[in-house]
Amino acid sequence: MVFDSRSPDTGLFKGEIFGTATQKNCTTRFDNVSQSHDGSYFFRLEANGKLRLRYIKPAYSHVEIAVIGSPPKPTVSVFKDQQEVMKTEEVMEGSSVSLRCSTKIFCPSRPPSLTWSSSLNENVTGRQYQNQTELISDLNFTVSHRHHGVTFTCSATHQLQQKITTQESRMLRVQYLLKPVQTGPNLTINNTDPTHRGRYYCRAENKHGTQNTSVLLDVSQTHFCLRPADD
Protein backbone atom coordinates (compact mmCIF):
# COMPACT_ATOMS: atom_id res chain seq x y z
CA MET A 1 0.00 0.00 0.00
CA VAL A 2 1.43 3.34 -1.07
CA PHE A 3 -1.57 5.59 -0.39
CA ASP A 4 -4.73 5.31 1.75
CA SER A 5 -7.28 8.15 1.64
CA ARG A 6 -8.31 7.42 5.26
CA SER A 7 -4.80 8.35 6.45
CA PRO A 8 -3.22 10.29 3.57
CA ASP A 9 -0.13 11.31 5.58
CA THR A 10 1.10 7.81 6.49
CA GLY A 11 1.81 6.17 3.12
CA LEU A 12 4.62 6.43 0.62
CA PHE A 13 2.73 9.18 -1.23
CA LYS A 14 1.16 12.33 0.22
CA GLY A 15 -1.95 13.73 -1.45
CA GLU A 16 -5.71 13.48 -1.61
CA ILE A 17 -8.61 11.89 -3.50
CA PHE A 18 -11.35 14.28 -4.61
CA GLY A 19 -14.44 14.09 -6.83
CA THR A 20 -17.75 12.23 -6.63
CA ALA A 21 -17.60 8.44 -6.71
CA THR A 22 -21.30 8.00 -7.55
CA GLN A 23 -20.68 10.02 -10.72
CA LYS A 24 -17.63 7.91 -11.58
CA ASN A 25 -15.42 10.95 -11.17
CA CYS A 26 -12.52 10.41 -8.79
CA THR A 27 -9.10 11.99 -9.06
CA THR A 28 -6.05 11.22 -6.93
CA ARG A 29 -3.36 13.84 -6.52
CA PHE A 30 0.12 12.90 -5.27
CA ASP A 31 2.28 15.77 -4.01
CA ASN A 32 5.68 14.24 -3.27
CA VAL A 33 6.48 12.20 -6.37
CA SER A 34 10.16 11.58 -7.12
CA GLN A 35 11.94 9.79 -9.95
CA SER A 36 12.22 6.67 -7.79
CA HIS A 37 8.43 6.22 -8.03
CA ASP A 38 8.41 4.91 -11.62
CA GLY A 39 6.21 1.85 -12.00
CA SER A 40 2.71 0.35 -12.30
CA TYR A 41 -0.01 1.32 -9.80
CA PHE A 42 -3.35 -0.37 -9.12
CA PHE A 43 -6.52 0.87 -7.43
CA ARG A 44 -8.29 -0.78 -4.47
CA LEU A 45 -11.76 0.21 -3.23
CA GLU A 46 -13.02 -0.39 0.32
CA ALA A 47 -16.34 0.80 1.76
CA ASN A 48 -18.06 0.16 5.14
CA GLY A 49 -15.78 -2.77 5.82
CA LYS A 50 -17.78 -4.98 3.42
CA LEU A 51 -17.11 -3.84 -0.14
CA ARG A 52 -13.60 -4.69 -1.24
CA LEU A 53 -12.53 -4.57 -4.87
CA ARG A 54 -8.99 -5.07 -6.11
CA TYR A 55 -8.06 -4.03 -9.64
CA ILE A 56 -4.93 -6.07 -10.26
CA LYS A 57 -5.79 -8.47 -13.08
CA PRO A 58 -4.70 -7.67 -16.64
CA ALA A 59 -8.35 -7.24 -17.61
CA TYR A 60 -8.61 -4.22 -15.29
CA SER A 61 -7.08 -0.85 -15.91
CA HIS A 62 -3.99 0.37 -14.14
CA VAL A 63 -1.78 3.40 -14.45
CA GLU A 64 1.85 3.44 -15.48
CA ILE A 65 3.70 6.36 -13.92
CA ALA A 66 6.90 7.61 -15.55
CA VAL A 67 8.51 10.45 -13.57
CA ILE A 68 10.69 12.98 -15.38
CA GLY A 69 13.16 15.35 -13.75
CA SER A 70 11.58 18.61 -14.97
CA PRO A 71 8.83 19.76 -17.36
CA PRO A 72 9.86 19.77 -21.04
CA LYS A 73 10.06 22.98 -23.01
CA PRO A 74 6.83 24.16 -24.66
CA THR A 75 6.44 23.59 -28.39
CA VAL A 76 6.20 26.66 -30.66
CA SER A 77 4.89 26.26 -34.22
CA VAL A 78 4.25 28.80 -37.01
CA PHE A 79 1.04 28.53 -39.08
CA LYS A 80 0.22 30.46 -42.26
CA ASP A 81 -3.27 29.99 -43.72
CA GLN A 82 -3.79 27.17 -41.18
CA GLN A 83 -0.80 25.28 -42.58
CA GLU A 84 2.30 24.73 -40.46
CA VAL A 85 5.41 26.51 -41.75
CA MET A 86 8.68 24.59 -41.52
CA LYS A 87 11.64 26.17 -39.77
CA THR A 88 13.51 26.68 -43.05
CA GLU A 89 10.58 28.52 -44.71
CA GLU A 90 9.66 32.19 -44.56
CA VAL A 91 6.39 34.11 -44.40
CA MET A 92 5.32 36.87 -46.78
CA GLU A 93 4.64 40.42 -45.65
CA GLY A 94 0.89 41.05 -45.38
CA SER A 95 0.01 37.41 -44.70
CA SER A 96 -1.92 36.26 -41.63
CA VAL A 97 0.25 34.22 -39.28
CA SER A 98 -0.49 32.28 -36.11
CA LEU A 99 2.18 31.33 -33.58
CA ARG A 100 1.04 28.34 -31.53
CA CYS A 101 2.57 27.43 -28.18
CA SER A 102 1.58 24.21 -26.41
CA THR A 103 2.65 22.48 -23.21
CA LYS A 104 1.56 19.34 -21.41
CA ILE A 105 -0.81 19.49 -18.43
CA PHE A 106 0.69 17.30 -15.71
CA CYS A 107 -1.84 18.06 -12.96
CA PRO A 108 -5.37 19.18 -13.99
CA SER A 109 -6.00 20.71 -10.56
CA ARG A 110 -2.89 22.87 -10.98
CA PRO A 111 -2.76 23.76 -14.69
CA PRO A 112 0.27 25.61 -16.10
CA SER A 113 0.19 29.11 -17.60
CA LEU A 114 1.54 30.37 -20.93
CA THR A 115 2.88 33.87 -21.62
CA TRP A 116 4.29 35.48 -24.78
CA SER A 117 7.07 38.03 -25.20
CA SER A 118 8.94 39.38 -28.22
CA SER A 119 12.12 41.27 -29.04
CA LEU A 120 9.91 44.15 -30.29
CA ASN A 121 9.32 45.04 -26.61
CA GLU A 122 5.58 45.18 -27.26
CA ASN A 123 2.85 43.53 -25.19
CA VAL A 124 1.70 40.36 -26.92
CA THR A 125 -1.24 38.29 -25.69
CA GLY A 126 -2.37 34.98 -27.13
CA ARG A 127 -5.78 33.28 -27.22
CA GLN A 128 -5.58 30.44 -24.71
CA TYR A 129 -7.52 27.17 -24.51
CA GLN A 130 -6.92 23.61 -23.35
CA ASN A 131 -7.91 20.00 -23.83
CA GLN A 132 -7.43 17.06 -21.47
CA THR A 133 -3.67 16.83 -21.91
CA GLU A 134 -2.43 20.15 -23.36
CA LEU A 135 -2.63 23.88 -22.78
CA ILE A 136 -2.44 25.91 -26.02
CA SER A 137 -1.98 29.61 -26.74
CA ASP A 138 -2.37 31.10 -30.25
CA LEU A 139 -0.81 34.46 -31.14
CA ASN A 140 -2.47 35.81 -34.32
CA PHE A 141 -1.31 38.85 -36.31
CA THR A 142 -0.66 40.20 -39.82
CA VAL A 143 3.02 40.11 -40.77
CA SER A 144 4.83 43.32 -41.69
CA HIS A 145 8.46 44.16 -42.41
CA ARG A 146 8.83 45.11 -38.73
CA HIS A 147 8.54 41.41 -37.83
CA HIS A 148 11.58 40.35 -39.87
CA GLY A 149 14.21 38.94 -37.52
CA VAL A 150 11.90 39.34 -34.47
CA THR A 151 12.10 36.57 -31.88
CA PHE A 152 8.86 35.45 -30.21
CA THR A 153 9.24 33.56 -26.92
CA CYS A 154 6.63 31.43 -25.16
CA SER A 155 7.15 30.74 -21.43
CA ALA A 156 5.36 27.88 -19.66
CA THR A 157 5.07 28.08 -15.87
CA HIS A 158 4.07 24.88 -14.05
CA GLN A 159 2.55 25.15 -10.57
CA LEU A 160 4.15 22.13 -8.91
CA GLN A 161 5.68 22.02 -5.43
CA GLN A 162 7.46 25.11 -6.69
CA LYS A 163 7.03 27.18 -9.82
CA ILE A 164 9.08 25.85 -12.73
CA THR A 165 9.31 27.90 -15.94
CA THR A 166 10.61 26.68 -19.29
CA GLN A 167 10.54 28.54 -22.59
CA GLU A 168 10.96 28.14 -26.33
CA SER A 169 11.54 30.77 -29.05
CA ARG A 170 11.01 31.16 -32.80
CA MET A 171 12.41 33.91 -35.04
CA LEU A 172 10.33 35.08 -38.00
CA ARG A 173 11.92 35.55 -41.41
CA VAL A 174 9.73 37.84 -43.50
CA GLN A 175 9.87 38.17 -47.29
CA TYR A 176 8.87 41.60 -48.55
CA LEU A 177 9.03 43.30 -51.96
CA LEU A 178 11.10 46.45 -52.44
CA LYS A 179 9.69 49.21 -54.69
CA PRO A 180 12.21 51.64 -56.27
CA VAL A 181 11.54 55.17 -55.03
CA GLN A 182 14.29 57.41 -56.33
CA THR A 183 17.90 57.43 -57.51
CA GLY A 184 20.67 59.75 -56.36
CA PRO A 185 22.46 60.53 -53.09
CA ASN A 186 19.40 62.07 -51.36
CA LEU A 187 15.76 61.07 -50.95
CA THR A 188 13.42 63.96 -50.15
CA ILE A 189 9.77 63.34 -49.26
CA ASN A 190 7.24 66.20 -49.26
CA ASN A 191 3.64 66.20 -48.02
CA THR A 192 4.30 63.25 -45.77
CA ASP A 193 1.56 61.08 -44.32
CA PRO A 194 1.47 57.82 -42.28
CA THR A 195 1.75 55.72 -45.46
CA HIS A 196 5.38 56.83 -45.76
CA ARG A 197 6.31 54.96 -42.59
CA GLY A 198 8.56 51.96 -43.10
CA ARG A 199 12.11 50.84 -43.79
CA TYR A 200 14.00 52.52 -46.65
CA TYR A 201 16.99 50.88 -48.32
CA CYS A 202 19.86 52.57 -50.12
CA ARG A 203 21.77 50.46 -52.64
CA ALA A 204 25.19 51.57 -53.91
CA GLU A 205 26.97 49.88 -56.83
CA ASN A 206 30.32 50.24 -58.54
CA LYS A 207 32.71 47.99 -60.42
CA HIS A 208 33.91 46.46 -57.15
CA GLY A 209 30.51 45.28 -55.95
CA THR A 210 27.27 46.27 -54.17
CA GLN A 211 26.48 47.48 -50.64
CA ASN A 212 23.14 48.10 -48.92
CA THR A 213 22.13 50.11 -45.87
CA SER A 214 18.71 50.93 -44.41
CA VAL A 215 16.86 53.29 -42.09
CA LEU A 216 13.52 52.82 -40.34
CA LEU A 217 11.31 55.90 -40.87
CA ASP A 218 8.52 57.02 -38.53
CA VAL A 219 6.62 60.06 -39.81
CA SER A 220 6.71 62.83 -37.20
CA GLN A 221 7.18 66.03 -39.24
CA THR A 222 6.01 67.43 -42.56
CA HIS A 223 9.34 67.74 -44.44
CA PHE A 224 12.62 65.93 -44.12
CA CYS A 225 15.58 64.59 -46.09
CA LEU A 226 17.17 61.15 -45.90
CA ARG A 227 20.90 60.91 -46.59
CA PRO A 228 22.77 57.55 -46.53
CA ALA A 229 25.83 57.23 -44.30
CA ASP A 230 29.17 58.27 -45.83
CA ASP A 231 30.74 54.83 -45.19
C-alpha atoms as a PDB file:
ATOM      1  CA  MET A   1       0.000   0.000   0.000  1.00  0.00           C
ATOM      2  CA  VAL A   2       1.432   3.336  -1.073  1.00  0.00           C
ATOM      3  CA  PHE A   3      -1.571   5.592  -0.386  1.00  0.00           C
ATOM      4  CA  ASP A   4      -4.725   5.314   1.751  1.00  0.00           C
ATOM      5  CA  SER A   5      -7.283   8.153   1.639  1.00  0.00           C
ATOM      6  CA  ARG A   6      -8.309   7.418   5.259  1.00  0.00           C
ATOM      7  CA  SER A   7      -4.804   8.355   6.453  1.00  0.00           C
ATOM      8  CA  PRO A   8      -3.219  10.292   3.573  1.00  0.00           C
ATOM      9  CA  ASP A   9      -0.132  11.306   5.579  1.00  0.00           C
ATOM     10  CA  THR A  10       1.103   7.808   6.485  1.00  0.00           C
ATOM     11  CA  GLY A  11       1.808   6.169   3.123  1.00  0.00           C
ATOM     12  CA  LEU A  12       4.623   6.431   0.624  1.00  0.00           C
ATOM     13  CA  PHE A  13       2.734   9.181  -1.226  1.00  0.00           C
ATOM     14  CA  LYS A  14       1.157  12.328   0.216  1.00  0.00           C
ATOM     15  CA  GLY A  15      -1.949  13.733  -1.447  1.00  0.00           C
ATOM     16  CA  GLU A  16      -5.715  13.476  -1.614  1.00  0.00           C
ATOM     17  CA  ILE A  17      -8.613  11.890  -3.503  1.00  0.00           C
ATOM     18  CA  PHE A  18     -11.354  14.275  -4.609  1.00  0.00           C
ATOM     19  CA  GLY A  19     -14.437  14.087  -6.832  1.00  0.00           C
ATOM     20  CA  THR A  20     -17.755  12.225  -6.633  1.00  0.00           C
ATOM     21  CA  ALA A  21     -17.599   8.437  -6.707  1.00  0.00           C
ATOM     22  CA  THR A  22     -21.297   8.000  -7.550  1.00  0.00           C
ATOM     23  CA  GLN A  23     -20.683  10.020 -10.721  1.00  0.00           C
ATOM     24  CA  LYS A  24     -17.632   7.908 -11.577  1.00  0.00           C
ATOM     25  CA  ASN A  25     -15.424  10.946 -11.168  1.00  0.00           C
ATOM     26  CA  CYS A  26     -12.516  10.411  -8.787  1.00  0.00           C
ATOM     27  CA  THR A  27      -9.104  11.989  -9.057  1.00  0.00           C
ATOM     28  CA  THR A  28      -6.048  11.222  -6.928  1.00  0.00           C
ATOM     29  CA  ARG A  29      -3.356  13.843  -6.525  1.00  0.00           C
ATOM     30  CA  PHE A  30       0.121  12.897  -5.266  1.00  0.00           C
ATOM     31  CA  ASP A  31       2.278  15.768  -4.013  1.00  0.00           C
ATOM     32  CA  ASN A  32       5.675  14.236  -3.266  1.00  0.00           C
ATOM     33  CA  VAL A  33       6.478  12.199  -6.365  1.00  0.00           C
ATOM     34  CA  SER A  34      10.156  11.580  -7.117  1.00  0.00           C
ATOM     35  CA  GLN A  35      11.936   9.793  -9.952  1.00  0.00           C
ATOM     36  CA  SER A  36      12.222   6.667  -7.787  1.00  0.00           C
ATOM     37  CA  HIS A  37       8.430   6.217  -8.027  1.00  0.00           C
ATOM     38  CA  ASP A  38       8.414   4.909 -11.620  1.00  0.00           C
ATOM     39  CA  GLY A  39       6.209   1.850 -12.004  1.00  0.00           C
ATOM     40  CA  SER A  40       2.707   0.348 -12.300  1.00  0.00           C
ATOM     41  CA  TYR A  41      -0.008   1.324  -9.805  1.00  0.00           C
ATOM     42  CA  PHE A  42      -3.353  -0.371  -9.122  1.00  0.00           C
ATOM     43  CA  PHE A  43      -6.520   0.871  -7.427  1.00  0.00           C
ATOM     44  CA  ARG A  44      -8.290  -0.776  -4.465  1.00  0.00           C
ATOM     45  CA  LEU A  45     -11.760   0.206  -3.226  1.00  0.00           C
ATOM     46  CA  GLU A  46     -13.022  -0.385   0.322  1.00  0.00           C
ATOM     47  CA  ALA A  47     -16.337   0.801   1.765  1.00  0.00           C
ATOM     48  CA  ASN A  48     -18.057   0.160   5.137  1.00  0.00           C
ATOM     49  CA  GLY A  49     -15.777  -2.771   5.816  1.00  0.00           C
ATOM     50  CA  LYS A  50     -17.783  -4.976   3.421  1.00  0.00           C
ATOM     51  CA  LEU A  51     -17.112  -3.837  -0.144  1.00  0.00           C
ATOM     52  CA  ARG A  52     -13.599  -4.692  -1.238  1.00  0.00           C
ATOM     53  CA  LEU A  53     -12.526  -4.566  -4.871  1.00  0.00           C
ATOM     54  CA  ARG A  54      -8.985  -5.066  -6.110  1.00  0.00           C
ATOM     55  CA  TYR A  55      -8.064  -4.026  -9.637  1.00  0.00           C
ATOM     56  CA  ILE A  56      -4.932  -6.065 -10.259  1.00  0.00           C
ATOM     57  CA  LYS A  57      -5.790  -8.473 -13.077  1.00  0.00           C
ATOM     58  CA  PRO A  58      -4.696  -7.674 -16.644  1.00  0.00           C
ATOM     59  CA  ALA A  59      -8.354  -7.239 -17.610  1.00  0.00           C
ATOM     60  CA  TYR A  60      -8.611  -4.224 -15.289  1.00  0.00           C
ATOM     61  CA  SER A  61      -7.077  -0.852 -15.914  1.00  0.00           C
ATOM     62  CA  HIS A  62      -3.989   0.370 -14.137  1.00  0.00           C
ATOM     63  CA  VAL A  63      -1.783   3.405 -14.446  1.00  0.00           C
ATOM     64  CA  GLU A  64       1.852   3.438 -15.481  1.00  0.00           C
ATOM     65  CA  ILE A  65       3.701   6.364 -13.917  1.00  0.00           C
ATOM     66  CA  ALA A  66       6.899   7.614 -15.548  1.00  0.00           C
ATOM     67  CA  VAL A  67       8.512  10.445 -13.567  1.00  0.00           C
ATOM     68  CA  ILE A  68      10.687  12.979 -15.379  1.00  0.00           C
ATOM     69  CA  GLY A  69      13.158  15.347 -13.749  1.00  0.00           C
ATOM     70  CA  SER A  70      11.584  18.612 -14.971  1.00  0.00           C
ATOM     71  CA  PRO A  71       8.832  19.755 -17.362  1.00  0.00           C
ATOM     72  CA  PRO A  72       9.865  19.766 -21.038  1.00  0.00           C
ATOM     73  CA  LYS A  73      10.059  22.981 -23.008  1.00  0.00           C
ATOM     74  CA  PRO A  74       6.831  24.159 -24.658  1.00  0.00           C
ATOM     75  CA  THR A  75       6.441  23.593 -28.391  1.00  0.00           C
ATOM     76  CA  VAL A  76       6.198  26.662 -30.657  1.00  0.00           C
ATOM     77  CA  SER A  77       4.894  26.260 -34.222  1.00  0.00           C
ATOM     78  CA  VAL A  78       4.251  28.796 -37.007  1.00  0.00           C
ATOM     79  CA  PHE A  79       1.045  28.527 -39.076  1.00  0.00           C
ATOM     80  CA  LYS A  80       0.218  30.460 -42.260  1.00  0.00           C
ATOM     81  CA  ASP A  81      -3.273  29.995 -43.721  1.00  0.00           C
ATOM     82  CA  GLN A  82      -3.794  27.166 -41.180  1.00  0.00           C
ATOM     83  CA  GLN A  83      -0.802  25.282 -42.577  1.00  0.00           C
ATOM     84  CA  GLU A  84       2.302  24.727 -40.461  1.00  0.00           C
ATOM     85  CA  VAL A  85       5.414  26.511 -41.747  1.00  0.00           C
ATOM     86  CA  MET A  86       8.679  24.586 -41.522  1.00  0.00           C
ATOM     87  CA  LYS A  87      11.645  26.174 -39.769  1.00  0.00           C
ATOM     88  CA  THR A  88      13.506  26.677 -43.055  1.00  0.00           C
ATOM     89  CA  GLU A  89      10.581  28.518 -44.707  1.00  0.00           C
ATOM     90  CA  GLU A  90       9.660  32.194 -44.557  1.00  0.00           C
ATOM     91  CA  VAL A  91       6.385  34.114 -44.397  1.00  0.00           C
ATOM     92  CA  MET A  92       5.319  36.865 -46.776  1.00  0.00           C
ATOM     93  CA  GLU A  93       4.644  40.423 -45.653  1.00  0.00           C
ATOM     94  CA  GLY A  94       0.892  41.048 -45.382  1.00  0.00           C
ATOM     95  CA  SER A  95       0.014  37.408 -44.702  1.00  0.00           C
ATOM     96  CA  SER A  96      -1.922  36.255 -41.633  1.00  0.00           C
ATOM     97  CA  VAL A  97       0.245  34.224 -39.278  1.00  0.00           C
ATOM     98  CA  SER A  98      -0.486  32.277 -36.109  1.00  0.00           C
ATOM     99  CA  LEU A  99       2.183  31.326 -33.585  1.00  0.00           C
ATOM    100  CA  ARG A 100       1.037  28.341 -31.527  1.00  0.00           C
ATOM    101  CA  CYS A 101       2.565  27.425 -28.177  1.00  0.00           C
ATOM    102  CA  SER A 102       1.577  24.209 -26.411  1.00  0.00           C
ATOM    103  CA  THR A 103       2.646  22.483 -23.215  1.00  0.00           C
ATOM    104  CA  LYS A 104       1.564  19.345 -21.407  1.00  0.00           C
ATOM    105  CA  ILE A 105      -0.808  19.493 -18.429  1.00  0.00           C
ATOM    106  CA  PHE A 106       0.693  17.303 -15.711  1.00  0.00           C
ATOM    107  CA  CYS A 107      -1.835  18.059 -12.963  1.00  0.00           C
ATOM    108  CA  PRO A 108      -5.365  19.181 -13.995  1.00  0.00           C
ATOM    109  CA  SER A 109      -5.999  20.708 -10.562  1.00  0.00           C
ATOM    110  CA  ARG A 110      -2.885  22.873 -10.979  1.00  0.00           C
ATOM    111  CA  PRO A 111      -2.762  23.760 -14.692  1.00  0.00           C
ATOM    112  CA  PRO A 112       0.269  25.613 -16.104  1.00  0.00           C
ATOM    113  CA  SER A 113       0.186  29.109 -17.602  1.00  0.00           C
ATOM    114  CA  LEU A 114       1.544  30.366 -20.932  1.00  0.00           C
ATOM    115  CA  THR A 115       2.877  33.873 -21.624  1.00  0.00           C
ATOM    116  CA  TRP A 116       4.286  35.480 -24.782  1.00  0.00           C
ATOM    117  CA  SER A 117       7.065  38.026 -25.203  1.00  0.00           C
ATOM    118  CA  SER A 118       8.938  39.385 -28.219  1.00  0.00           C
ATOM    119  CA  SER A 119      12.116  41.275 -29.042  1.00  0.00           C
ATOM    120  CA  LEU A 120       9.913  44.154 -30.286  1.00  0.00           C
ATOM    121  CA  ASN A 121       9.320  45.041 -26.612  1.00  0.00           C
ATOM    122  CA  GLU A 122       5.577  45.180 -27.260  1.00  0.00           C
ATOM    123  CA  ASN A 123       2.852  43.532 -25.188  1.00  0.00           C
ATOM    124  CA  VAL A 124       1.702  40.355 -26.917  1.00  0.00           C
ATOM    125  CA  THR A 125      -1.239  38.287 -25.687  1.00  0.00           C
ATOM    126  CA  GLY A 126      -2.372  34.978 -27.125  1.00  0.00           C
ATOM    127  CA  ARG A 127      -5.776  33.283 -27.218  1.00  0.00           C
ATOM    128  CA  GLN A 128      -5.582  30.437 -24.708  1.00  0.00           C
ATOM    129  CA  TYR A 129      -7.523  27.166 -24.511  1.00  0.00           C
ATOM    130  CA  GLN A 130      -6.925  23.607 -23.346  1.00  0.00           C
ATOM    131  CA  ASN A 131      -7.910  20.001 -23.833  1.00  0.00           C
ATOM    132  CA  GLN A 132      -7.435  17.056 -21.468  1.00  0.00           C
ATOM    133  CA  THR A 133      -3.668  16.830 -21.913  1.00  0.00           C
ATOM    134  CA  GLU A 134      -2.434  20.146 -23.360  1.00  0.00           C
ATOM    135  CA  LEU A 135      -2.627  23.881 -22.779  1.00  0.00           C
ATOM    136  CA  ILE A 136      -2.445  25.909 -26.022  1.00  0.00           C
ATOM    137  CA  SER A 137      -1.983  29.613 -26.736  1.00  0.00           C
ATOM    138  CA  ASP A 138      -2.367  31.097 -30.251  1.00  0.00           C
ATOM    139  CA  LEU A 139      -0.810  34.457 -31.144  1.00  0.00           C
ATOM    140  CA  ASN A 140      -2.474  35.813 -34.318  1.00  0.00           C
ATOM    141  CA  PHE A 141      -1.314  38.846 -36.311  1.00  0.00           C
ATOM    142  CA  THR A 142      -0.660  40.197 -39.819  1.00  0.00           C
ATOM    143  CA  VAL A 143       3.015  40.111 -40.766  1.00  0.00           C
ATOM    144  CA  SER A 144       4.829  43.323 -41.691  1.00  0.00           C
ATOM    145  CA  HIS A 145       8.463  44.159 -42.410  1.00  0.00           C
ATOM    146  CA  ARG A 146       8.829  45.109 -38.735  1.00  0.00           C
ATOM    147  CA  HIS A 147       8.544  41.409 -37.831  1.00  0.00           C
ATOM    148  CA  HIS A 148      11.583  40.353 -39.871  1.00  0.00           C
ATOM    149  CA  GLY A 149      14.214  38.943 -37.518  1.00  0.00           C
ATOM    150  CA  VAL A 150      11.905  39.343 -34.473  1.00  0.00           C
ATOM    151  CA  THR A 151      12.102  36.569 -31.879  1.00  0.00           C
ATOM    152  CA  PHE A 152       8.865  35.455 -30.207  1.00  0.00           C
ATOM    153  CA  THR A 153       9.235  33.562 -26.916  1.00  0.00           C
ATOM    154  CA  CYS A 154       6.627  31.432 -25.160  1.00  0.00           C
ATOM    155  CA  SER A 155       7.149  30.743 -21.432  1.00  0.00           C
ATOM    156  CA  ALA A 156       5.360  27.878 -19.665  1.00  0.00           C
ATOM    157  CA  THR A 157       5.073  28.080 -15.872  1.00  0.00           C
ATOM    158  CA  HIS A 158       4.070  24.885 -14.054  1.00  0.00           C
ATOM    159  CA  GLN A 159       2.554  25.155 -10.567  1.00  0.00           C
ATOM    160  CA  LEU A 160       4.148  22.132  -8.911  1.00  0.00           C
ATOM    161  CA  GLN A 161       5.682  22.015  -5.433  1.00  0.00           C
ATOM    162  CA  GLN A 162       7.460  25.105  -6.687  1.00  0.00           C
ATOM    163  CA  LYS A 163       7.026  27.185  -9.825  1.00  0.00           C
ATOM    164  CA  ILE A 164       9.075  25.848 -12.730  1.00  0.00           C
ATOM    165  CA  THR A 165       9.307  27.901 -15.940  1.00  0.00           C
ATOM    166  CA  THR A 166      10.607  26.677 -19.292  1.00  0.00           C
ATOM    167  CA  GLN A 167      10.542  28.537 -22.593  1.00  0.00           C
ATOM    168  CA  GLU A 168      10.964  28.138 -26.331  1.00  0.00           C
ATOM    169  CA  SER A 169      11.538  30.770 -29.052  1.00  0.00           C
ATOM    170  CA  ARG A 170      11.015  31.163 -32.798  1.00  0.00           C
ATOM    171  CA  MET A 171      12.413  33.913 -35.042  1.00  0.00           C
ATOM    172  CA  LEU A 172      10.334  35.076 -38.001  1.00  0.00           C
ATOM    173  CA  ARG A 173      11.916  35.553 -41.414  1.00  0.00           C
ATOM    174  CA  VAL A 174       9.728  37.843 -43.497  1.00  0.00           C
ATOM    175  CA  GLN A 175       9.873  38.175 -47.292  1.00  0.00           C
ATOM    176  CA  TYR A 176       8.867  41.599 -48.552  1.00  0.00           C
ATOM    177  CA  LEU A 177       9.028  43.299 -51.958  1.00  0.00           C
ATOM    178  CA  LEU A 178      11.096  46.452 -52.442  1.00  0.00           C
ATOM    179  CA  LYS A 179       9.693  49.207 -54.689  1.00  0.00           C
ATOM    180  CA  PRO A 180      12.211  51.639 -56.268  1.00  0.00           C
ATOM    181  CA  VAL A 181      11.537  55.171 -55.026  1.00  0.00           C
ATOM    182  CA  GLN A 182      14.294  57.413 -56.328  1.00  0.00           C
ATOM    183  CA  THR A 183      17.899  57.433 -57.511  1.00  0.00           C
ATOM    184  CA  GLY A 184      20.665  59.750 -56.359  1.00  0.00           C
ATOM    185  CA  PRO A 185      22.464  60.528 -53.090  1.00  0.00           C
ATOM    186  CA  ASN A 186      19.403  62.066 -51.364  1.00  0.00           C
ATOM    187  CA  LEU A 187      15.761  61.070 -50.951  1.00  0.00           C
ATOM    188  CA  THR A 188      13.417  63.958 -50.150  1.00  0.00           C
ATOM    189  CA  ILE A 189       9.769  63.336 -49.262  1.00  0.00           C
ATOM    190  CA  ASN A 190       7.245  66.200 -49.260  1.00  0.00           C
ATOM    191  CA  ASN A 191       3.642  66.200 -48.023  1.00  0.00           C
ATOM    192  CA  THR A 192       4.297  63.249 -45.766  1.00  0.00           C
ATOM    193  CA  ASP A 193       1.560  61.077 -44.316  1.00  0.00           C
ATOM    194  CA  PRO A 194       1.472  57.819 -42.276  1.00  0.00           C
ATOM    195  CA  THR A 195       1.745  55.722 -45.457  1.00  0.00           C
ATOM    196  CA  HIS A 196       5.381  56.828 -45.761  1.00  0.00           C
ATOM    197  CA  ARG A 197       6.312  54.962 -42.588  1.00  0.00           C
ATOM    198  CA  GLY A 198       8.562  51.957 -43.097  1.00  0.00           C
ATOM    199  CA  ARG A 199      12.114  50.840 -43.792  1.00  0.00           C
ATOM    200  CA  TYR A 200      13.998  52.520 -46.652  1.00  0.00           C
ATOM    201  CA  TYR A 201      16.989  50.884 -48.322  1.00  0.00           C
ATOM    202  CA  CYS A 202      19.857  52.570 -50.115  1.00  0.00           C
ATOM    203  CA  ARG A 203      21.765  50.457 -52.642  1.00  0.00           C
ATOM    204  CA  ALA A 204      25.186  51.573 -53.911  1.00  0.00           C
ATOM    205  CA  GLU A 205      26.967  49.883 -56.826  1.00  0.00           C
ATOM    206  CA  ASN A 206      30.323  50.241 -58.540  1.00  0.00           C
ATOM    207  CA  LYS A 207      32.706  47.985 -60.416  1.00  0.00           C
ATOM    208  CA  HIS A 208      33.910  46.456 -57.153  1.00  0.00           C
ATOM    209  CA  GLY A 209      30.510  45.280 -55.945  1.00  0.00           C
ATOM    210  CA  THR A 210      27.274  46.265 -54.168  1.00  0.00           C
ATOM    211  CA  GLN A 211      26.479  47.478 -50.642  1.00  0.00           C
ATOM    212  CA  ASN A 212      23.144  48.101 -48.921  1.00  0.00           C
ATOM    213  CA  THR A 213      22.126  50.107 -45.872  1.00  0.00           C
ATOM    214  CA  SER A 214      18.711  50.931 -44.413  1.00  0.00           C
ATOM    215  CA  VAL A 215      16.862  53.290 -42.094  1.00  0.00           C
ATOM    216  CA  LEU A 216      13.517  52.823 -40.336  1.00  0.00           C
ATOM    217  CA  LEU A 217      11.309  55.899 -40.869  1.00  0.00           C
ATOM    218  CA  ASP A 218       8.518  57.024 -38.531  1.00  0.00           C
ATOM    219  CA  VAL A 219       6.623  60.058 -39.810  1.00  0.00           C
ATOM    220  CA  SER A 220       6.706  62.831 -37.200  1.00  0.00           C
ATOM    221  CA  GLN A 221       7.179  66.025 -39.242  1.00  0.00           C
ATOM    222  CA  THR A 222       6.010  67.434 -42.559  1.00  0.00           C
ATOM    223  CA  HIS A 223       9.336  67.736 -44.439  1.00  0.00           C
ATOM    224  CA  PHE A 224      12.624  65.929 -44.122  1.00  0.00           C
ATOM    225  CA  CYS A 225      15.585  64.595 -46.092  1.00  0.00           C
ATOM    226  CA  LEU A 226      17.170  61.155 -45.901  1.00  0.00           C
ATOM    227  CA  ARG A 227      20.905  60.909 -46.588  1.00  0.00           C
ATOM    228  CA  PRO A 228      22.773  57.551 -46.535  1.00  0.00           C
ATOM    229  CA  ALA A 229      25.826  57.232 -44.303  1.00  0.00           C
ATOM    230  CA  ASP A 230      29.170  58.275 -45.834  1.00  0.00           C
ATOM    231  CA  ASP A 231      30.744  54.832 -45.194  1.00  0.00           C
END
